[in-house]
């Protein structure tokens, strides 16, 4: 009987530990969580998209993340469409694009990919960003 109680208590403890995953209240909080040495930098006028100035971050390996808050999903979708049109004109590689709520997040990695946009698995932070954005409250 003691063994059963011990196993039951231990199982409950392990299950509660597994379910207490960190939740983020904003996209910026989620982005800041991916790296301890991430620093917010000033956004230049060239980074504005549909009149929205992003919050820009630089990672330790000279990669960048730009977070655009469009205020609504409809405006975000339109901003993403305009970004896609703009990026087609450029010859360099494109960033990885994430969409979460009203936000458009662009991750500019330093990966020399064979494709125009690198895969998440080819980058240092691609999967971490995806995971962080998936657990926003």
C-alpha atoms as a PDB file:
ATOM      1  CA  UNK A   1       0.000   0.000   0.000  1.00  0.00           C
ATOM      2  CA  UNK A   2       2.831   2.415   0.832  1.00  0.00           C
ATOM      3  CA  UNK A   3       4.415   1.659  -2.491  1.00  0.00           C
ATOM      4  CA  UNK A   4       1.175   2.505  -4.329  1.00  0.00           C
ATOM      5  CA  UNK A   5       0.830   5.856  -2.525  1.00  0.00           C
ATOM      6  CA  UNK A   6       4.471   6.696  -3.217  1.00  0.00           C
ATOM      7  CA  UNK A   7       4.076   5.893  -6.934  1.00  0.00           C
ATOM      8  CA  UNK A   8       0.827   7.895  -7.126  1.00  0.00           C
ATOM      9  CA  UNK A   9       2.395  10.957  -5.467  1.00  0.00           C
ATOM     10  CA  UNK A  10       5.503  10.698  -7.627  1.00  0.00           C
ATOM     11  CA  UNK A  11       3.379  10.406 -10.786  1.00  0.00           C
ATOM     12  CA  UNK A  12       1.334  13.478  -9.870  1.00  0.00           C
ATOM     13  CA  UNK A  13       4.522  15.431  -9.185  1.00  0.00           C
ATOM     14  CA  UNK A  14       6.030  14.470 -12.544  1.00  0.00           C
ATOM     15  CA  UNK A  15       2.831  15.271 -14.434  1.00  0.00           C
ATOM     16  CA  UNK A  16       2.527  18.694 -12.820  1.00  0.00           C
ATOM     17  CA  UNK A  17       6.169  19.469 -13.578  1.00  0.00           C
ATOM     18  CA  UNK A  18       5.677  18.613 -17.239  1.00  0.00           C
ATOM     19  CA  UNK A  19       2.577  20.780 -17.608  1.00  0.00           C
ATOM     20  CA  UNK A  20       4.034  23.953 -16.067  1.00  0.00           C
ATOM     21  CA  UNK A  21       5.402  25.255 -19.345  1.00  0.00           C
ATOM     22  CA  UNK A  22       6.383  28.935 -19.436  1.00  0.00           C
ATOM     23  CA  UNK A  23       3.690  31.115 -21.019  1.00  0.00           C
ATOM     24  CA  UNK A  24       4.454  34.492 -22.547  1.00  0.00           C
ATOM     25  CA  UNK A  25       2.048  37.409 -22.509  1.00  0.00           C
ATOM     26  CA  UNK A  26       3.433  39.136 -25.607  1.00  0.00           C
ATOM     27  CA  UNK A  27       5.415  38.440 -28.745  1.00  0.00           C
ATOM     28  CA  UNK A  28       8.224  40.698 -27.540  1.00  0.00           C
ATOM     29  CA  UNK A  29       8.453  38.761 -24.267  1.00  0.00           C
ATOM     30  CA  UNK A  30       8.589  35.491 -26.234  1.00  0.00           C
ATOM     31  CA  UNK A  31      11.323  36.822 -28.548  1.00  0.00           C
ATOM     32  CA  UNK A  32      13.414  38.094 -25.626  1.00  0.00           C
ATOM     33  CA  UNK A  33      13.239  34.630 -24.040  1.00  0.00           C
ATOM     34  CA  UNK A  34      15.107  32.845 -26.839  1.00  0.00           C
ATOM     35  CA  UNK A  35      18.564  34.225 -25.985  1.00  0.00           C
ATOM     36  CA  UNK A  36      20.052  35.816 -22.877  1.00  0.00           C
ATOM     37  CA  UNK A  37      22.297  38.133 -24.898  1.00  0.00           C
ATOM     38  CA  UNK A  38      19.616  39.548 -27.171  1.00  0.00           C
ATOM     39  CA  UNK A  39      19.644  43.328 -27.384  1.00  0.00           C
ATOM     40  CA  UNK A  40      17.034  45.740 -28.641  1.00  0.00           C
ATOM     41  CA  UNK A  41      18.384  48.060 -31.318  1.00  0.00           C
ATOM     42  CA  UNK A  42      17.054  51.125 -33.075  1.00  0.00           C
ATOM     43  CA  UNK A  43      15.049  50.434 -36.203  1.00  0.00           C
ATOM     44  CA  UNK A  44      15.960  52.354 -39.335  1.00  0.00           C
ATOM     45  CA  UNK A  45      13.407  53.937 -41.654  1.00  0.00           C
ATOM     46  CA  UNK A  46      14.159  51.234 -44.256  1.00  0.00           C
ATOM     47  CA  UNK A  47      12.764  48.600 -41.887  1.00  0.00           C
ATOM     48  CA  UNK A  48       9.318  50.236 -41.659  1.00  0.00           C
ATOM     49  CA  UNK A  49       6.518  48.252 -43.260  1.00  0.00           C
ATOM     50  CA  UNK A  50       3.186  49.858 -44.131  1.00  0.00           C
ATOM     51  CA  UNK A  51       4.073  52.731 -41.795  1.00  0.00           C
ATOM     52  CA  UNK A  52       4.774  50.385 -38.877  1.00  0.00           C
ATOM     53  CA  UNK A  53       8.130  50.742 -37.139  1.00  0.00           C
ATOM     54  CA  UNK A  54       9.300  47.374 -35.836  1.00  0.00           C
ATOM     55  CA  UNK A  55      10.946  46.607 -32.555  1.00  0.00           C
ATOM     56  CA  UNK A  56      14.289  45.232 -33.693  1.00  0.00           C
ATOM     57  CA  UNK A  57      16.593  42.867 -31.846  1.00  0.00           C
ATOM     58  CA  UNK A  58      20.159  41.811 -32.552  1.00  0.00           C
ATOM     59  CA  UNK A  59      21.386  38.379 -31.537  1.00  0.00           C
ATOM     60  CA  UNK A  60      24.977  37.612 -30.544  1.00  0.00           C
ATOM     61  CA  UNK A  61      25.798  36.161 -33.971  1.00  0.00           C
ATOM     62  CA  UNK A  62      24.753  39.348 -35.845  1.00  0.00           C
ATOM     63  CA  UNK A  63      21.365  37.947 -36.750  1.00  0.00           C
ATOM     64  CA  UNK A  64      18.267  40.114 -36.448  1.00  0.00           C
ATOM     65  CA  UNK A  65      14.645  39.755 -35.421  1.00  0.00           C
ATOM     66  CA  UNK A  66      12.061  42.400 -36.289  1.00  0.00           C
ATOM     67  CA  UNK A  67       8.649  42.447 -34.591  1.00  0.00           C
ATOM     68  CA  UNK A  68       5.829  44.398 -36.252  1.00  0.00           C
ATOM     69  CA  UNK A  69       2.577  45.071 -34.369  1.00  0.00           C
ATOM     70  CA  UNK A  70      -0.141  45.753 -36.944  1.00  0.00           C
ATOM     71  CA  UNK A  71      -2.995  46.015 -34.432  1.00  0.00           C
ATOM     72  CA  UNK A  72      -5.185  43.468 -36.230  1.00  0.00           C
ATOM     73  CA  UNK A  73      -4.812  40.202 -38.108  1.00  0.00           C
ATOM     74  CA  UNK A  74      -6.253  41.786 -41.256  1.00  0.00           C
ATOM     75  CA  UNK A  75      -3.600  44.554 -41.249  1.00  0.00           C
ATOM     76  CA  UNK A  76      -0.936  41.959 -40.435  1.00  0.00           C
ATOM     77  CA  UNK A  77      -1.986  39.867 -43.442  1.00  0.00           C
ATOM     78  CA  UNK A  78      -1.857  42.954 -45.672  1.00  0.00           C
ATOM     79  CA  UNK A  79       1.549  43.900 -44.238  1.00  0.00           C
ATOM     80  CA  UNK A  80       2.804  40.372 -44.909  1.00  0.00           C
ATOM     81  CA  UNK A  81       1.518  40.575 -48.494  1.00  0.00           C
ATOM     82  CA  UNK A  82       3.338  43.886 -49.028  1.00  0.00           C
ATOM     83  CA  UNK A  83       6.492  42.442 -47.468  1.00  0.00           C
ATOM     84  CA  UNK A  84       6.357  39.407 -49.782  1.00  0.00           C
ATOM     85  CA  UNK A  85       6.025  41.721 -52.799  1.00  0.00           C
ATOM     86  CA  UNK A  86       8.922  43.867 -51.587  1.00  0.00           C
ATOM     87  CA  UNK A  87      11.238  40.920 -50.855  1.00  0.00           C
ATOM     88  CA  UNK A  88      10.715  39.467 -54.355  1.00  0.00           C
ATOM     89  CA  UNK A  89      12.521  42.493 -55.769  1.00  0.00           C
ATOM     90  CA  UNK A  90      15.598  41.886 -53.618  1.00  0.00           C
ATOM     91  CA  UNK A  91      18.240  39.403 -54.672  1.00  0.00           C
ATOM     92  CA  UNK A  92      19.480  38.465 -51.183  1.00  0.00           C
ATOM     93  CA  UNK A  93      18.036  35.683 -49.095  1.00  0.00           C
ATOM     94  CA  UNK A  94      14.719  36.292 -47.394  1.00  0.00           C
ATOM     95  CA  UNK A  95      14.032  36.103 -43.660  1.00  0.00           C
ATOM     96  CA  UNK A  96      11.915  33.451 -42.005  1.00  0.00           C
ATOM     97  CA  UNK A  97       8.437  34.909 -41.483  1.00  0.00           C
ATOM     98  CA  UNK A  98       6.311  34.102 -38.436  1.00  0.00           C
ATOM     99  CA  UNK A  99       2.763  35.309 -37.777  1.00  0.00           C
ATOM    100  CA  UNK A 100       1.250  35.399 -34.317  1.00  0.00           C
ATOM    101  CA  UNK A 101      -1.949  37.284 -33.588  1.00  0.00           C
ATOM    102  CA  UNK A 102      -1.506  40.874 -34.768  1.00  0.00           C
ATOM    103  CA  UNK A 103       2.245  40.438 -35.099  1.00  0.00           C
ATOM    104  CA  UNK A 104       4.548  39.765 -38.009  1.00  0.00           C
ATOM    105  CA  UNK A 105       7.987  38.539 -36.915  1.00  0.00           C
ATOM    106  CA  UNK A 106      10.938  38.431 -39.314  1.00  0.00           C
ATOM    107  CA  UNK A 107      14.083  36.446 -38.481  1.00  0.00           C
ATOM    108  CA  UNK A 108      17.135  37.342 -40.552  1.00  0.00           C
ATOM    109  CA  UNK A 109      19.652  34.537 -40.107  1.00  0.00           C
ATOM    110  CA  UNK A 110      23.225  34.318 -41.358  1.00  0.00           C
ATOM    111  CA  UNK A 111      22.730  30.852 -42.830  1.00  0.00           C
ATOM    112  CA  UNK A 112      23.950  30.302 -46.365  1.00  0.00           C
ATOM    113  CA  UNK A 113      21.042  28.187 -47.494  1.00  0.00           C
ATOM    114  CA  UNK A 114      20.562  26.578 -50.865  1.00  0.00           C
ATOM    115  CA  UNK A 115      17.040  28.000 -50.895  1.00  0.00           C
ATOM    116  CA  UNK A 116      16.068  31.653 -50.755  1.00  0.00           C
ATOM    117  CA  UNK A 117      14.584  31.281 -47.261  1.00  0.00           C
ATOM    118  CA  UNK A 118      16.456  28.951 -44.902  1.00  0.00           C
ATOM    119  CA  UNK A 119      14.652  26.130 -43.143  1.00  0.00           C
ATOM    120  CA  UNK A 120      14.092  26.459 -39.399  1.00  0.00           C
ATOM    121  CA  UNK A 121      16.429  23.541 -38.781  1.00  0.00           C
ATOM    122  CA  UNK A 122      19.253  25.233 -40.716  1.00  0.00           C
ATOM    123  CA  UNK A 123      19.289  28.231 -38.383  1.00  0.00           C
ATOM    124  CA  UNK A 124      20.417  28.660 -34.800  1.00  0.00           C
ATOM    125  CA  UNK A 125      17.224  30.305 -33.525  1.00  0.00           C
ATOM    126  CA  UNK A 126      14.474  29.365 -36.008  1.00  0.00           C
ATOM    127  CA  UNK A 127      12.953  26.542 -33.990  1.00  0.00           C
ATOM    128  CA  UNK A 128      13.387  28.419 -30.695  1.00  0.00           C
ATOM    129  CA  UNK A 129      11.452  31.381 -32.075  1.00  0.00           C
ATOM    130  CA  UNK A 130       8.696  29.082 -33.356  1.00  0.00           C
ATOM    131  CA  UNK A 131       8.387  27.365 -29.951  1.00  0.00           C
ATOM    132  CA  UNK A 132       8.341  30.677 -28.074  1.00  0.00           C
ATOM    133  CA  UNK A 133       5.615  32.099 -30.324  1.00  0.00           C
ATOM    134  CA  UNK A 134       3.541  28.926 -29.932  1.00  0.00           C
ATOM    135  CA  UNK A 135       3.208  29.403 -26.159  1.00  0.00           C
ATOM    136  CA  UNK A 136       1.903  32.968 -26.029  1.00  0.00           C
ATOM    137  CA  UNK A 137      -1.196  33.268 -23.839  1.00  0.00           C
END
